[in-house]
Structure formats: C-alpha cells, structure tokens
Amino acid sequence: MPLNEREQRILEEIERQFYEQDPKLAETVAKTTLESVSRKWQRLAAVGFVVGLVVMFAFFTRYTVVALSGFIVMVVSAGWLAMNLRRLRGEGSGSGGLAGWADRARQRWRRDR
C-alpha cells in the first residue's frame, strides 16, 4: 500500500534528520546490501569449516572430545553456508523451514505415486 502525501513528507523528514545527525552511519546503511552481508557470513562460515577440519584432524587420535568439537563446528559451518547460499539464490523465500520441507516432501510423494 503506497504512502499518502503526509506520510511521505514525514518519512522524508526522518531521513533528512538521519543524514544530518550521523552521516557516516547513513552512508554505511545506504551502501549495505543483502548480498554484501551474506558474503561476509559466507566467509565466516568457510573459515569456521576450515578451523573445524583442522581441529578434527589435529586431535583425532589424542583427544577424541576435541576432535568431535571440531567436527561439530564443521557441520554447523557447512549448514550455515548452505542456508546462506540458498537464501541468497532465493530458493528459501516463502518456502523455508520445516513447512517448506514438508510441502516439498508431499509433492514428491504425490509425484512418485
């Protein structure tokens, strides 16, 4: 629903005040996109995966609990990366989570029968 003229003026006034009060933050917000934030999280997940892999292999024979922790970090990082990539591609929009999975499973079941 579009804004009426009064609401549009109020929004423009808020935006002008925002730029006047903190121009650095306003510039950062203007430049930030979903893709740039997503790329940052993807890099963090990839680093987490590599760290988990190194920890798992380094402590596999001596400290099994530490190696298991490394494996858990790897799995969580891989899941985080996959979820982030799916969201960025747009597959997760509207049909994400358990409900989306259940819908896809029902569709496959009906198609295979």
C-alpha atoms as a PDB file:
ATOM      1  CA  MET A   1       0.000   0.000   0.000  1.00  0.00           C
ATOM      2  CA  PRO A   2       1.563   3.319  -1.021  1.00  0.00           C
ATOM      3  CA  LEU A   3       2.106   6.091   1.480  1.00  0.00           C
ATOM      4  CA  ASN A   4      -0.123   9.129   1.392  1.00  0.00           C
ATOM      5  CA  GLU A   5       1.366  12.599   0.945  1.00  0.00           C
ATOM      6  CA  ARG A   6       1.567  13.375   4.683  1.00  0.00           C
ATOM      7  CA  GLU A   7       3.271  10.058   5.487  1.00  0.00           C
ATOM      8  CA  GLN A   8       5.707  10.570   2.618  1.00  0.00           C
ATOM      9  CA  ARG A   9       6.684  14.025   3.992  1.00  0.00           C
ATOM     10  CA  ILE A  10       7.189  12.587   7.491  1.00  0.00           C
ATOM     11  CA  LEU A  11       9.378   9.811   6.094  1.00  0.00           C
ATOM     12  CA  GLU A  12      11.469  12.295   4.097  1.00  0.00           C
ATOM     13  CA  GLU A  13      11.913  14.457   7.221  1.00  0.00           C
ATOM     14  CA  ILE A  14      13.079  11.460   9.257  1.00  0.00           C
ATOM     15  CA  GLU A  15      15.514  10.502   6.507  1.00  0.00           C
ATOM     16  CA  ARG A  16      16.888  14.075   6.272  1.00  0.00           C
ATOM     17  CA  GLN A  17      17.416  14.195  10.062  1.00  0.00           C
ATOM     18  CA  PHE A  18      19.118  10.812   9.944  1.00  0.00           C
ATOM     19  CA  TYR A  19      21.606  12.033   7.330  1.00  0.00           C
ATOM     20  CA  GLU A  20      22.252  15.244   9.308  1.00  0.00           C
ATOM     21  CA  GLN A  21      22.771  13.591  12.691  1.00  0.00           C
ATOM     22  CA  ASP A  22      25.038  10.720  11.660  1.00  0.00           C
ATOM     23  CA  PRO A  23      26.227  10.951   8.044  1.00  0.00           C
ATOM     24  CA  LYS A  24      28.766   8.137   8.430  1.00  0.00           C
ATOM     25  CA  LEU A  25      26.116   5.677   9.654  1.00  0.00           C
ATOM     26  CA  ALA A  26      23.695   6.855   6.972  1.00  0.00           C
ATOM     27  CA  GLU A  27      26.314   6.211   4.289  1.00  0.00           C
ATOM     28  CA  THR A  28      27.061   2.762   5.694  1.00  0.00           C
ATOM     29  CA  VAL A  29      23.364   1.855   5.752  1.00  0.00           C
ATOM     30  CA  ALA A  30      22.903   3.132   2.203  1.00  0.00           C
ATOM     31  CA  LYS A  31      25.814   1.021   0.894  1.00  0.00           C
ATOM     32  CA  THR A  32      24.932  -2.168   2.790  1.00  0.00           C
ATOM     33  CA  THR A  33      23.071  -4.762   0.751  1.00  0.00           C
ATOM     34  CA  LEU A  34      21.822  -8.250   1.488  1.00  0.00           C
ATOM     35  CA  GLU A  35      24.493  -9.600  -0.836  1.00  0.00           C
ATOM     36  CA  SER A  36      27.380  -7.854   0.963  1.00  0.00           C
ATOM     37  CA  VAL A  37      26.194  -9.036   4.378  1.00  0.00           C
ATOM     38  CA  SER A  38      25.625 -12.524   3.001  1.00  0.00           C
ATOM     39  CA  ARG A  39      29.144 -12.644   1.568  1.00  0.00           C
ATOM     40  CA  LYS A  40      30.575 -11.708   4.977  1.00  0.00           C
ATOM     41  CA  TRP A  41      28.678 -14.539   6.662  1.00  0.00           C
ATOM     42  CA  GLN A  42      29.733 -16.963   3.917  1.00  0.00           C
ATOM     43  CA  ARG A  43      33.393 -16.131   4.519  1.00  0.00           C
ATOM     44  CA  LEU A  44      32.912 -16.584   8.258  1.00  0.00           C
ATOM     45  CA  ALA A  45      31.240 -19.971   7.704  1.00  0.00           C
ATOM     46  CA  ALA A  46      34.041 -21.084   5.365  1.00  0.00           C
ATOM     47  CA  VAL A  47      36.669 -20.099   7.943  1.00  0.00           C
ATOM     48  CA  GLY A  48      34.705 -21.957  10.619  1.00  0.00           C
ATOM     49  CA  PHE A  49      34.593 -25.054   8.422  1.00  0.00           C
ATOM     50  CA  VAL A  50      38.371 -24.970   7.841  1.00  0.00           C
ATOM     51  CA  VAL A  51      39.079 -24.385  11.548  1.00  0.00           C
ATOM     52  CA  GLY A  52      36.800 -27.291  12.474  1.00  0.00           C
ATOM     53  CA  LEU A  53      38.531 -29.526   9.928  1.00  0.00           C
ATOM     54  CA  VAL A  54      41.988 -28.631  11.231  1.00  0.00           C
ATOM     55  CA  VAL A  55      40.934 -29.173  14.852  1.00  0.00           C
ATOM     56  CA  MET A  56      39.339 -32.502  13.988  1.00  0.00           C
ATOM     57  CA  PHE A  57      42.421 -33.833  12.202  1.00  0.00           C
ATOM     58  CA  ALA A  58      44.885 -32.400  14.725  1.00  0.00           C
ATOM     59  CA  PHE A  59      43.251 -34.017  17.753  1.00  0.00           C
ATOM     60  CA  PHE A  60      41.656 -37.105  16.202  1.00  0.00           C
ATOM     61  CA  THR A  61      43.929 -39.676  17.826  1.00  0.00           C
ATOM     62  CA  ARG A  62      44.786 -37.939  21.106  1.00  0.00           C
ATOM     63  CA  TYR A  63      41.683 -36.086  22.280  1.00  0.00           C
ATOM     64  CA  THR A  64      38.519 -37.506  20.800  1.00  0.00           C
ATOM     65  CA  VAL A  65      36.263 -34.950  22.529  1.00  0.00           C
ATOM     66  CA  VAL A  66      38.196 -32.050  20.985  1.00  0.00           C
ATOM     67  CA  ALA A  67      38.086 -33.745  17.585  1.00  0.00           C
ATOM     68  CA  LEU A  68      34.330 -34.204  17.987  1.00  0.00           C
ATOM     69  CA  SER A  69      34.017 -30.494  18.772  1.00  0.00           C
ATOM     70  CA  GLY A  70      35.896 -29.721  15.559  1.00  0.00           C
ATOM     71  CA  PHE A  71      33.527 -31.968  13.644  1.00  0.00           C
ATOM     72  CA  ILE A  72      30.511 -30.204  15.154  1.00  0.00           C
ATOM     73  CA  VAL A  73      31.972 -26.827  14.138  1.00  0.00           C
ATOM     74  CA  MET A  74      32.410 -28.193  10.601  1.00  0.00           C
ATOM     75  CA  VAL A  75      28.807 -29.411  10.384  1.00  0.00           C
ATOM     76  CA  VAL A  76      27.351 -26.194  11.771  1.00  0.00           C
ATOM     77  CA  SER A  77      29.507 -24.098   9.417  1.00  0.00           C
ATOM     78  CA  ALA A  78      28.548 -26.183   6.391  1.00  0.00           C
ATOM     79  CA  GLY A  79      24.856 -25.897   7.271  1.00  0.00           C
ATOM     80  CA  TRP A  80      25.172 -22.178   7.820  1.00  0.00           C
ATOM     81  CA  LEU A  81      26.926 -21.748   4.474  1.00  0.00           C
ATOM     82  CA  ALA A  82      24.332 -23.850   2.636  1.00  0.00           C
ATOM     83  CA  MET A  83      21.452 -21.965   4.233  1.00  0.00           C
ATOM     84  CA  ASN A  84      23.046 -18.635   3.376  1.00  0.00           C
ATOM     85  CA  LEU A  85      23.661 -19.630  -0.244  1.00  0.00           C
ATOM     86  CA  ARG A  86      20.097 -20.905  -0.620  1.00  0.00           C
ATOM     87  CA  ARG A  87      18.685 -17.690   0.818  1.00  0.00           C
ATOM     88  CA  LEU A  88      20.875 -15.610  -1.497  1.00  0.00           C
ATOM     89  CA  ARG A  89      19.688 -17.577  -4.549  1.00  0.00           C
ATOM     90  CA  GLY A  90      16.097 -17.000  -3.484  1.00  0.00           C
ATOM     91  CA  GLU A  91      15.070 -20.614  -3.016  1.00  0.00           C
ATOM     92  CA  GLY A  92      14.350 -20.081   0.653  1.00  0.00           C
ATOM     93  CA  SER A  93      11.979 -17.150   0.219  1.00  0.00           C
ATOM     94  CA  GLY A  94       8.438 -18.067   1.131  1.00  0.00           C
ATOM     95  CA  SER A  95       9.044 -21.794   1.456  1.00  0.00           C
ATOM     96  CA  GLY A  96      11.797 -22.037   4.017  1.00  0.00           C
ATOM     97  CA  GLY A  97      11.993 -24.014   7.200  1.00  0.00           C
ATOM     98  CA  LEU A  98      10.182 -27.152   8.195  1.00  0.00           C
ATOM     99  CA  ALA A  99       6.917 -26.183   6.497  1.00  0.00           C
ATOM    100  CA  GLY A 100       8.657 -25.711   3.149  1.00  0.00           C
ATOM    101  CA  TRP A 101      10.435 -29.036   3.523  1.00  0.00           C
ATOM    102  CA  ALA A 102       7.179 -30.798   4.358  1.00  0.00           C
ATOM    103  CA  ASP A 103       5.471 -29.266   1.299  1.00  0.00           C
ATOM    104  CA  ARG A 104       8.281 -30.406  -0.987  1.00  0.00           C
ATOM    105  CA  ALA A 105       8.181 -33.901   0.542  1.00  0.00           C
ATOM    106  CA  ARG A 106       4.403 -34.117  -0.046  1.00  0.00           C
ATOM    107  CA  GLN A 107       4.824 -33.011  -3.654  1.00  0.00           C
ATOM    108  CA  ARG A 108       7.499 -35.661  -4.252  1.00  0.00           C
ATOM    109  CA  TRP A 109       5.329 -38.317  -2.615  1.00  0.00           C
ATOM    110  CA  ARG A 110       2.354 -37.470  -4.839  1.00  0.00           C
ATOM    111  CA  ARG A 111       4.520 -37.305  -7.953  1.00  0.00           C
ATOM    112  CA  ASP A 112       6.121 -40.705  -7.248  1.00  0.00           C
ATOM    113  CA  ARG A 113       2.825 -42.465  -6.575  1.00  0.00           C
END
